[in-house]
Amino acid sequence: MGPPSSKIRILLVDDDESFLALFVQSAKVQGRDREFEIITANSGEEALKLAARKAPDAVVTDIFMDGMDGKALFTRLMNRYPSLPIIFLTAFGSVDRAVEAMKEGAYHYFQKPIVDQGLFWKTVAEAATKKRAAEEIEAFRRERDRCGPGSEMVGVSPVWRKVVEAVERVAPLPSTVLLTGETGTGKEVVARAIHRLSDRADRSFIAVSCSEFSSSLLETELFGHERGAFTGAVNRRLGIFERANGGTLFLDEIAETTPELQAKILRVIEGSPFYRVGGEEPLSSDFRLIAATNRNLEKEVGAGRFRQDIYFRLAVYPIHLPPLRDRLQDIGPLTMHFLQKIARRLGRPPQSISGPALALLFQHNWPGNVRELENLVERAIITAAGRQITPKDLFPGLSPDLDSASGFKLEDVERLIIKMALERTGYKKSQAAQLLGISRKTLNEKIARFGFDSDSEL
C-alpha cells in the first residue's frame, strides 16, 4: 500500500450505486470533501482492487451485497491489511452480523440510514487517524531499530538520517568520535547507539559530564585516588578511566575542562601510563572514546581555551547533531516515542495526543531541543486529566479556545509544517523542500494547494 495523501481517504463499498452517489453528494453538502477523499466501489471484488491501488485510510462497506458480501470483503482485507479499519453499514436485519464482525476486529458499524452524520464522520476520522498514527509509529520503530535493540535514535527527517548513517558507518570501528550540537540534541543517545553497535557492546558504557565537576574534582573522578591522597580520601577509589577499560567512555561537554586537564586526558588517550591521585603505580586502560560539546571547538582553540593537540585527537570522526527546529519531520515520531516511553516508566496507560496539541508542538521553537520536548511530554502525561494530551496539558497558560478544537486534521498539521519550513528558510523553496524531505516540485504543488505566498525565491 502506498503513502497516504494529506486528505483522509475513504473507500466506500455498496452495490447500490444510487446510495454511493447520495453518500458522496452528502459529504460535499456538509463540506466534508475538504477533509475526506471518497473512493467508491460497487462490489467487493472492485473494492479489493482499489484497496491495493489507492491505499485507503478506512473502508466503509455495506454487509449485504451481491457476489462478495461485506463480511467476506472484511475477511480478505484483514488478511492483507491488518491495520486497515473497516466500518460496516447495515440494515436493521443484519445488525447481528455487524456485531459479530466487530468481535473479529471490525472498527464500528452504523445502521442505514445514518441519522447522526456528525458522529459517523467523526468515527471515520478517528479510525483513519489511528491507522496513520500506527503506521508512523511502526515506521520510526523500524528506523530506531536500525541502531540496535532499545535505541532511542528516533527520526525520519533527511538531516537525522545522515546522523544515523554516520553512526552506522563509524560504530564498528575503533575510531574516536566527536559529537557536536546544541544542548539537548541527544548527544548521549547517539553515543549509546555507537556503543551498542560496536564490538564493545557487551562491556561497560560510562558517561560523565565534564561540566558537573570542578577541575580538581573531575581529575579525581577520571584518574581515581589512593587512600590518604587528600583530606577525606579514606579509601582507594578507582577512576573512570580504569572502570571504562574494555568499554566505551563518553566525555560530555569536553570543552568545559581546563587546558591543564586536557593535556592529562590527551596523554591517556594516546596510551601513556597514568596514575591515581597520590599513587605511584602506572596504569593503562583500553577504552573507546566518544567526546561531545555544544561549543565550536575550532573557535575555542583560536581563543586559547582548548588545546589544539587534543582537538585534532578528538575530531577524528565528527558528527553534528541538528537542533530540533531543523528536524520538523521528527517532532511527530519523537512525541509518539516519548508518550509510550514515559507512560511505561510512570506506570500510566498509553496516551495519545490531540491534533491541536500536536500542531502547537510544531509552532514551538524548541530552544531546549529534544530534551525539552521529552520533559514537556512527561509533564503533560502527569497533568492530563484524560487519555489524550490536550494543548492546555502542554502549555497551561494557553487560551481555552485552543483546547476546544476537536479532531485530528492531518491537512492542517501539514499546512502548518510547510508554512514553518518556508518561514524558517526565508521562503527559499529549495531549502524548505530539503528541510521537509520532499522534492521542490512536490513543495510547489502543496504551496499552490494551500495558497501560500510564493513570491520569494523562485
Protein backbone atom coordinates (compact mmCIF):
# COMPACT_ATOMS: atom_id res chain seq x y z
CA MET A 1 0.00 0.00 0.00
CA GLY A 2 1.33 3.42 -0.92
CA PRO A 3 1.91 6.51 1.20
CA PRO A 4 -1.15 8.40 2.43
CA SER A 5 -2.27 11.70 0.96
CA SER A 6 -2.99 14.73 3.15
CA LYS A 7 -6.74 14.07 2.95
CA ILE A 8 -8.28 11.12 4.75
CA ARG A 9 -9.00 8.58 2.02
CA ILE A 10 -12.17 6.51 2.45
CA LEU A 11 -13.13 3.53 0.34
CA LEU A 12 -16.95 3.31 0.27
CA VAL A 13 -18.36 -0.03 -0.89
CA ASP A 14 -22.02 -0.68 -1.74
CA ASP A 15 -23.73 -2.45 -4.64
CA ASP A 16 -26.43 0.25 -4.66
CA GLU A 17 -24.95 2.89 -6.95
CA SER A 18 -27.67 5.41 -6.07
CA PHE A 19 -26.60 5.14 -2.42
CA LEU A 20 -22.98 5.70 -3.40
CA ALA A 21 -23.88 8.84 -5.33
CA LEU A 22 -26.09 10.10 -2.48
CA PHE A 23 -23.32 9.47 0.04
CA VAL A 24 -20.71 11.41 -1.97
CA GLN A 25 -23.15 14.28 -2.52
CA SER A 26 -23.96 14.37 1.19
CA ALA A 27 -20.25 14.71 2.00
CA LYS A 28 -19.96 17.69 -0.36
CA VAL A 29 -23.04 19.38 1.07
CA GLN A 30 -21.61 19.13 4.57
CA GLY A 31 -18.20 20.38 3.47
CA ARG A 32 -16.56 17.05 4.27
CA ASP A 33 -14.95 16.83 0.83
CA ARG A 34 -12.29 19.27 2.10
CA GLU A 35 -11.22 16.74 4.72
CA PHE A 36 -12.03 13.43 3.05
CA GLU A 37 -11.33 11.90 -0.33
CA ILE A 38 -14.05 9.36 -1.07
CA ILE A 39 -13.40 6.47 -3.44
CA THR A 40 -16.35 4.26 -4.35
CA ALA A 41 -16.69 0.63 -5.35
CA ASN A 42 -19.92 -1.16 -6.24
CA SER A 43 -18.68 -4.67 -5.42
CA GLY A 44 -16.34 -6.49 -3.07
CA GLU A 45 -14.14 -7.55 -5.97
CA GLU A 46 -13.70 -3.97 -7.15
CA ALA A 47 -13.03 -2.85 -3.57
CA LEU A 48 -10.11 -5.27 -3.25
CA LYS A 49 -8.51 -3.86 -6.41
CA LEU A 50 -9.00 -0.27 -5.26
CA ALA A 51 -7.60 -1.05 -1.80
CA ALA A 52 -4.39 -2.31 -3.41
CA ARG A 53 -4.06 0.71 -5.73
CA LYS A 54 -5.37 3.60 -3.63
CA ALA A 55 -4.23 2.71 -0.06
CA PRO A 56 -7.36 3.90 1.78
CA ASP A 57 -7.17 5.03 5.40
CA ALA A 58 -10.53 3.43 6.19
CA VAL A 59 -13.15 1.27 4.48
CA VAL A 60 -16.90 1.75 4.87
CA THR A 61 -18.86 -1.17 3.44
CA ASP A 62 -22.38 -2.50 3.35
CA ILE A 63 -22.81 -6.03 4.69
CA PHE A 64 -25.36 -7.37 2.21
CA MET A 65 -24.12 -7.18 -1.38
CA ASP A 66 -24.39 -9.40 -4.42
CA GLY A 67 -21.35 -11.55 -5.09
CA MET A 68 -18.73 -10.99 -2.40
CA ASP A 69 -20.64 -9.60 0.59
CA GLY A 70 -19.25 -7.20 3.19
CA LYS A 71 -18.30 -9.95 5.63
CA ALA A 72 -16.22 -11.78 3.01
CA LEU A 73 -14.63 -8.49 1.95
CA PHE A 74 -13.80 -7.79 5.59
CA THR A 75 -12.01 -11.15 5.91
CA ARG A 76 -9.99 -10.62 2.72
CA LEU A 77 -8.98 -7.08 3.70
CA MET A 78 -7.98 -8.09 7.23
CA ASN A 79 -5.74 -10.83 5.85
CA ARG A 80 -3.97 -8.37 3.55
CA TYR A 81 -4.03 -5.16 5.63
CA PRO A 82 -4.41 -5.99 9.35
CA SER A 83 -4.25 -2.33 10.43
CA LEU A 84 -6.94 -1.11 8.00
CA PRO A 85 -10.07 -0.03 9.93
CA ILE A 86 -13.36 -1.28 8.49
CA ILE A 87 -16.73 0.21 9.33
CA PHE A 88 -19.94 -1.60 8.41
CA LEU A 89 -23.21 -0.16 7.18
CA THR A 90 -26.07 -2.44 7.99
CA ALA A 91 -29.82 -2.64 7.61
CA PHE A 92 -31.89 -3.42 10.68
CA GLY A 93 -31.98 -7.15 9.99
CA SER A 94 -28.19 -7.54 9.73
CA VAL A 95 -27.12 -5.88 12.98
CA ASP A 96 -26.14 -9.25 14.47
CA ARG A 97 -23.69 -9.88 11.63
CA ALA A 98 -22.14 -6.43 12.16
CA VAL A 99 -21.73 -7.08 15.89
CA GLU A 100 -20.13 -10.43 15.10
CA ALA A 101 -17.70 -8.72 12.71
CA MET A 102 -16.73 -6.20 15.41
CA LYS A 103 -15.77 -9.10 17.67
CA GLU A 104 -13.49 -10.25 14.86
CA GLY A 105 -11.79 -6.86 14.52
CA ALA A 106 -14.14 -4.51 12.63
CA TYR A 107 -13.85 -0.93 13.87
CA HIS A 108 -17.52 0.07 14.15
CA TYR A 109 -20.92 -0.23 12.48
CA PHE A 110 -23.78 2.14 11.63
CA GLN A 111 -27.36 1.36 10.72
CA LYS A 112 -28.85 2.68 7.50
CA PRO A 113 -29.99 5.36 7.14
CA ILE A 114 -27.24 7.18 9.03
CA VAL A 115 -29.10 9.54 11.34
CA ASP A 116 -26.16 11.19 13.12
CA GLN A 117 -23.90 12.26 10.26
CA GLY A 118 -21.59 14.14 12.64
CA LEU A 119 -20.90 11.04 14.72
CA PHE A 120 -20.39 8.98 11.57
CA TRP A 121 -17.73 11.29 10.10
CA LYS A 122 -16.05 11.72 13.48
CA THR A 123 -15.80 7.93 13.82
CA VAL A 124 -14.36 7.57 10.33
CA ALA A 125 -11.78 10.30 11.01
CA GLU A 126 -10.83 8.71 14.33
CA ALA A 127 -10.36 5.30 12.71
CA ALA A 128 -8.22 6.69 9.88
CA THR A 129 -6.12 8.79 12.27
CA LYS A 130 -5.36 5.80 14.46
CA LYS A 131 -4.28 3.81 11.41
CA ARG A 132 -1.96 6.55 10.20
CA ALA A 133 -0.51 7.02 13.69
CA ALA A 134 0.13 3.27 13.98
CA GLU A 135 1.89 3.28 10.61
CA GLU A 136 4.04 6.26 11.65
CA ILE A 137 4.98 4.53 14.89
CA GLU A 138 5.91 1.38 13.03
CA ALA A 139 7.97 3.38 10.51
CA PHE A 140 10.07 5.15 13.09
CA ARG A 141 10.31 1.96 15.17
CA ARG A 142 11.96 0.31 12.17
CA GLU A 143 14.22 3.35 11.81
CA ARG A 144 15.06 3.21 15.50
CA ASP A 145 15.85 -0.50 15.37
CA ARG A 146 18.45 0.15 12.70
CA CYS A 147 20.63 1.42 15.55
CA GLY A 148 20.28 -1.67 17.72
CA PRO A 149 17.87 -3.01 20.31
CA GLY A 150 16.39 -0.36 22.54
CA SER A 151 17.84 2.54 20.55
CA GLU A 152 16.18 5.91 21.01
CA MET A 153 17.57 7.38 17.79
CA VAL A 154 14.08 8.27 16.63
CA GLY A 155 13.63 10.31 13.48
CA VAL A 156 12.78 10.19 9.78
CA SER A 157 13.99 13.59 8.56
CA PRO A 158 16.82 13.75 5.99
CA VAL A 159 19.19 15.54 8.41
CA TRP A 160 18.61 12.88 11.07
CA ARG A 161 19.05 10.05 8.58
CA LYS A 162 22.52 11.46 7.89
CA VAL A 163 23.30 11.18 11.62
CA VAL A 164 22.05 7.58 11.68
CA GLU A 165 24.12 6.70 8.63
CA ALA A 166 27.21 8.27 10.20
CA VAL A 167 26.66 6.26 13.40
CA GLU A 168 26.29 3.02 11.48
CA ARG A 169 29.44 3.79 9.50
CA VAL A 170 31.74 4.54 12.44
CA ALA A 171 30.32 2.33 15.20
CA PRO A 172 32.11 -0.93 14.20
CA LEU A 173 35.46 0.91 14.01
CA PRO A 174 37.74 1.81 16.95
CA SER A 175 37.94 5.49 15.93
CA THR A 176 37.38 8.34 18.38
CA VAL A 177 34.15 10.22 17.71
CA LEU A 178 33.37 13.89 18.42
CA LEU A 179 29.68 14.78 18.74
CA THR A 180 28.74 18.43 18.33
CA GLY A 181 25.43 20.23 18.62
CA GLU A 182 23.31 22.39 20.88
CA THR A 183 22.40 21.30 24.39
CA GLY A 184 19.58 18.77 24.40
CA THR A 185 20.03 17.47 20.84
CA GLY A 186 20.65 13.90 22.02
CA LYS A 187 24.42 13.51 22.12
CA GLU A 188 24.36 10.82 24.82
CA VAL A 189 21.64 8.93 22.93
CA VAL A 190 23.91 8.88 19.86
CA ALA A 191 26.92 7.86 21.96
CA ARG A 192 24.99 4.92 23.41
CA ALA A 193 23.91 3.88 19.90
CA ILE A 194 27.56 3.87 18.77
CA HIS A 195 28.45 1.71 21.78
CA ARG A 196 25.59 -0.74 21.10
CA LEU A 197 26.71 -1.21 17.52
CA SER A 198 30.40 -1.63 18.38
CA ASP A 199 32.37 -4.74 19.30
CA ARG A 200 32.41 -3.41 22.88
CA ALA A 201 28.62 -3.62 23.26
CA ASP A 202 28.85 -6.32 25.94
CA ARG A 203 31.20 -4.18 28.07
CA SER A 204 30.56 -1.05 30.12
CA PHE A 205 29.38 2.31 28.79
CA ILE A 206 30.40 5.10 31.17
CA ALA A 207 29.14 8.65 30.68
CA VAL A 208 30.50 11.65 32.56
CA SER A 209 29.59 15.31 32.13
CA CYS A 210 32.72 17.42 32.49
CA SER A 211 30.61 20.48 33.35
CA GLU A 212 29.30 18.90 36.58
CA PHE A 213 32.66 18.97 38.37
CA SER A 214 35.32 21.49 39.25
CA SER A 215 38.62 20.86 37.51
CA SER A 216 40.27 19.24 40.56
CA LEU A 217 37.27 17.08 41.35
CA LEU A 218 36.92 15.98 37.71
CA GLU A 219 40.59 14.95 37.69
CA THR A 220 39.96 12.78 40.77
CA GLU A 221 36.84 11.28 39.13
CA LEU A 222 38.76 10.41 35.96
CA PHE A 223 42.02 9.17 37.44
CA GLY A 224 40.87 7.87 40.83
CA HIS A 225 42.84 8.32 44.06
CA GLU A 226 44.78 6.40 46.67
CA ARG A 227 43.87 6.27 50.33
CA GLY A 228 45.18 9.36 52.10
CA ALA A 229 45.85 11.24 48.86
CA PHE A 230 43.96 14.21 50.28
CA THR A 231 41.71 15.07 53.20
CA GLY A 232 38.67 12.82 53.10
CA ALA A 233 40.28 10.15 50.90
CA VAL A 234 39.75 7.36 53.44
CA ASN A 235 39.73 4.58 50.82
CA ARG A 236 41.30 3.88 47.45
CA ARG A 237 38.94 4.73 44.60
CA LEU A 238 39.19 3.53 41.03
CA GLY A 239 38.83 6.30 38.47
CA ILE A 240 36.59 6.41 35.44
CA PHE A 241 39.48 5.65 33.10
CA GLU A 242 40.09 2.35 34.91
CA ARG A 243 36.43 1.43 35.11
CA ALA A 244 35.97 2.09 31.39
CA ASN A 245 38.61 -0.48 30.49
CA GLY A 246 37.34 -2.64 27.62
CA GLY A 247 34.24 -0.50 27.12
CA THR A 248 33.23 2.95 25.90
CA LEU A 249 33.86 6.26 27.69
CA PHE A 250 31.62 9.20 26.86
CA LEU A 251 33.05 12.57 27.93
CA ASP A 252 30.25 15.10 27.55
CA GLU A 253 30.94 18.85 27.47
CA ILE A 254 34.68 18.24 26.97
CA ALA A 255 35.16 21.97 26.29
CA GLU A 256 34.47 22.70 29.98
CA THR A 257 37.84 21.22 31.01
CA THR A 258 40.92 23.35 31.64
CA PRO A 259 43.92 23.23 29.26
CA GLU A 260 45.95 21.59 32.07
CA LEU A 261 43.45 18.76 32.48
CA GLN A 262 43.12 18.47 28.70
CA ALA A 263 46.85 17.74 28.50
CA LYS A 264 46.49 14.93 31.04
CA ILE A 265 43.47 13.47 29.24
CA LEU A 266 45.37 13.60 25.95
CA ARG A 267 48.22 11.51 27.35
CA VAL A 268 45.74 8.83 28.45
CA ILE A 269 44.03 8.85 25.03
CA GLU A 270 47.40 8.37 23.36
CA GLY A 271 48.14 5.33 25.52
CA SER A 272 50.62 6.76 28.01
CA PRO A 273 50.58 5.31 31.55
CA PHE A 274 48.58 7.31 34.11
CA TYR A 275 48.42 7.37 37.88
CA ARG A 276 45.73 7.66 40.50
CA VAL A 277 45.93 10.89 42.51
CA GLY A 278 48.51 10.18 45.20
CA GLY A 279 49.52 6.91 43.52
CA GLU A 280 52.80 5.61 42.13
CA GLU A 281 51.64 2.52 40.25
CA PRO A 282 51.47 3.14 36.45
CA LEU A 283 48.09 2.20 34.99
CA SER A 284 46.70 1.76 31.50
CA SER A 285 43.17 1.39 30.10
CA ASP A 286 41.77 0.32 26.75
CA PHE A 287 38.54 2.17 26.03
CA ARG A 288 36.77 3.66 23.03
CA LEU A 289 36.38 7.42 23.50
CA ILE A 290 33.38 9.47 22.41
CA ALA A 291 33.55 13.16 23.28
CA ALA A 292 30.83 15.79 22.95
CA THR A 293 30.47 19.55 23.14
CA ASN A 294 27.91 22.27 22.48
CA ARG A 295 30.68 24.74 21.63
CA ASN A 296 32.60 25.42 18.43
CA LEU A 297 35.93 23.80 19.32
CA GLU A 298 37.77 25.46 16.43
CA LYS A 299 36.85 28.85 17.89
CA GLU A 300 37.77 27.63 21.37
CA VAL A 301 41.19 26.60 20.05
CA GLY A 302 41.62 30.02 18.40
CA ALA A 303 40.72 31.73 21.69
CA GLY A 304 43.26 29.62 23.59
CA ARG A 305 40.65 27.89 25.73
CA PHE A 306 41.06 24.47 24.16
CA ARG A 307 44.29 22.76 23.22
CA GLN A 308 44.84 22.23 19.53
CA ASP A 309 46.57 18.87 20.01
CA ILE A 310 43.64 17.28 21.88
CA TYR A 311 41.19 18.85 19.40
CA PHE A 312 42.87 17.07 16.49
CA ARG A 313 42.93 13.84 18.53
CA LEU A 314 39.20 14.08 19.31
CA ALA A 315 37.95 15.23 15.91
CA VAL A 316 38.88 12.03 14.09
CA TYR A 317 35.25 11.49 13.10
CA PRO A 318 32.94 14.42 13.91
CA ILE A 319 29.16 14.03 13.83
CA HIS A 320 26.98 17.15 14.10
CA LEU A 321 23.54 16.76 15.66
CA PRO A 322 20.98 19.20 14.23
CA PRO A 323 18.68 21.22 16.51
CA LEU A 324 15.05 20.11 16.73
CA ARG A 325 13.88 23.24 14.88
CA ASP A 326 15.71 21.88 11.82
CA ARG A 327 14.05 18.45 12.17
CA LEU A 328 10.37 19.36 11.66
CA GLN A 329 9.51 15.87 10.38
CA ASP A 330 10.76 14.29 13.60
CA ILE A 331 8.50 16.12 16.06
CA GLY A 332 5.60 13.70 15.49
CA PRO A 333 7.64 10.48 15.78
CA LEU A 334 9.56 11.80 18.79
CA THR A 335 6.34 12.81 20.54
CA MET A 336 4.80 9.37 19.95
CA HIS A 337 8.00 7.74 21.19
CA PHE A 338 8.07 9.79 24.39
CA LEU A 339 4.36 9.19 25.02
CA GLN A 340 5.00 5.45 25.02
CA LYS A 341 8.34 5.52 26.84
CA ILE A 342 7.30 7.87 29.64
CA ALA A 343 3.88 6.30 30.20
CA ARG A 344 5.61 2.94 30.57
CA ARG A 345 8.15 4.35 33.01
CA LEU A 346 5.48 6.10 35.08
CA GLY A 347 3.21 3.06 35.06
CA ARG A 348 0.49 5.01 33.26
CA PRO A 349 -1.74 3.66 30.47
CA PRO A 350 -0.70 4.64 26.93
CA GLN A 351 -1.83 8.12 25.93
CA SER A 352 -2.42 9.85 22.61
CA ILE A 353 -2.14 13.50 21.61
CA SER A 354 -4.85 15.67 20.08
CA GLY A 355 -4.44 17.33 16.70
CA PRO A 356 -4.41 20.89 18.13
CA ALA A 357 -1.83 19.87 20.75
CA LEU A 358 0.42 18.33 18.11
CA ALA A 359 0.07 21.44 15.97
CA LEU A 360 1.28 23.56 18.90
CA LEU A 361 4.42 21.46 19.15
CA PHE A 362 5.24 22.35 15.55
CA GLN A 363 4.87 26.06 16.35
CA HIS A 364 7.31 25.99 19.29
CA ASN A 365 10.93 26.99 18.58
CA TRP A 366 12.49 24.38 20.96
CA PRO A 367 15.45 26.21 22.50
CA GLY A 368 15.98 23.10 24.67
CA ASN A 369 15.70 20.75 21.69
CA VAL A 370 14.74 17.07 22.11
CA ARG A 371 15.34 17.16 25.86
CA GLU A 372 12.80 19.99 26.19
CA LEU A 373 10.25 18.02 24.17
CA GLU A 374 10.72 14.95 26.36
CA ASN A 375 10.30 16.99 29.55
CA LEU A 376 7.20 18.70 28.14
CA VAL A 377 5.60 15.37 27.24
CA GLU A 378 6.33 13.96 30.71
CA ARG A 379 4.72 16.95 32.40
CA ALA A 380 1.69 16.64 30.11
CA ILE A 381 1.28 12.95 30.94
CA ILE A 382 1.39 13.74 34.65
CA THR A 383 -1.13 16.59 34.46
CA ALA A 384 -3.51 15.24 31.79
CA ALA A 385 -6.99 14.53 33.09
CA GLY A 386 -7.84 12.05 30.34
CA ARG A 387 -6.17 9.61 27.98
CA GLN A 388 -5.43 12.28 25.38
CA ILE A 389 -2.90 15.12 25.71
CA THR A 390 -4.54 18.50 25.04
CA PRO A 391 -2.98 21.93 24.40
CA LYS A 392 -3.52 23.03 28.00
CA ASP A 393 -1.65 19.94 29.23
CA LEU A 394 1.39 21.06 27.23
CA PHE A 395 1.12 24.81 27.79
CA PRO A 396 -1.17 25.57 30.77
CA GLY A 397 -1.23 29.31 30.07
CA LEU A 398 -2.89 28.99 26.66
CA SER A 399 -6.28 30.38 25.78
CA PRO A 400 -9.09 27.86 26.45
CA ASP A 401 -10.23 28.30 22.83
CA LEU A 402 -7.20 26.36 21.62
CA ASP A 403 -8.14 23.43 23.80
CA SER A 404 -11.70 23.23 22.50
CA ALA A 405 -10.73 22.21 18.96
CA SER A 406 -11.57 18.61 18.20
CA GLY A 407 -10.40 16.02 15.73
CA PHE A 408 -7.04 15.41 14.14
CA LYS A 409 -6.90 17.38 10.92
CA LEU A 410 -3.89 15.96 9.12
CA GLU A 411 -4.15 18.61 6.41
CA ASP A 412 -3.97 21.40 8.99
CA VAL A 413 -0.81 19.93 10.51
CA GLU A 414 0.77 19.53 7.06
CA ARG A 415 -0.14 23.12 6.20
CA LEU A 416 1.48 24.30 9.43
CA ILE A 417 4.67 22.30 8.85
CA ILE A 418 5.08 23.65 5.31
CA LYS A 419 4.38 27.21 6.44
CA MET A 420 7.03 26.93 9.16
CA ALA A 421 9.57 25.45 6.76
CA LEU A 422 9.03 28.32 4.33
CA GLU A 423 9.30 30.93 7.08
CA ARG A 424 12.38 29.29 8.60
CA THR A 425 14.21 29.31 5.25
CA GLY A 426 13.10 32.80 4.24
CA TYR A 427 10.77 31.31 1.60
CA LYS A 428 13.70 29.70 -0.18
CA LYS A 429 11.86 26.79 -1.68
CA SER A 430 14.84 24.58 -2.39
CA GLN A 431 15.97 24.81 1.24
CA ALA A 432 12.43 24.35 2.53
CA ALA A 433 11.95 21.25 0.38
CA GLN A 434 15.23 19.82 1.66
CA LEU A 435 14.20 20.53 5.26
CA LEU A 436 10.88 18.76 4.70
CA GLY A 437 12.42 15.84 2.84
CA ILE A 438 10.33 16.35 -0.30
CA SER A 439 11.08 17.43 -3.86
CA ARG A 440 10.74 21.06 -4.90
CA LYS A 441 8.02 20.02 -7.38
CA THR A 442 6.01 18.47 -4.56
CA LEU A 443 6.51 21.57 -2.42
CA ASN A 444 5.28 23.82 -5.24
CA GLU A 445 2.16 21.69 -5.59
CA LYS A 446 1.47 21.96 -1.87
CA ILE A 447 2.11 25.72 -1.87
CA ALA A 448 -0.44 26.09 -4.65
CA ARG A 449 -2.96 23.87 -2.84
CA PHE A 450 -2.60 25.68 0.49
CA GLY A 451 -2.48 29.15 -1.08
CA PHE A 452 0.79 30.33 0.47
CA ASP A 453 2.50 33.48 -0.78
CA SER A 454 5.27 32.20 -3.06
CA ASP A 455 6.71 35.48 -4.39
CA SER A 456 10.08 34.84 -2.73
CA GLU A 457 12.93 32.79 -4.22
CA LEU A 458 11.77 31.20 -7.41
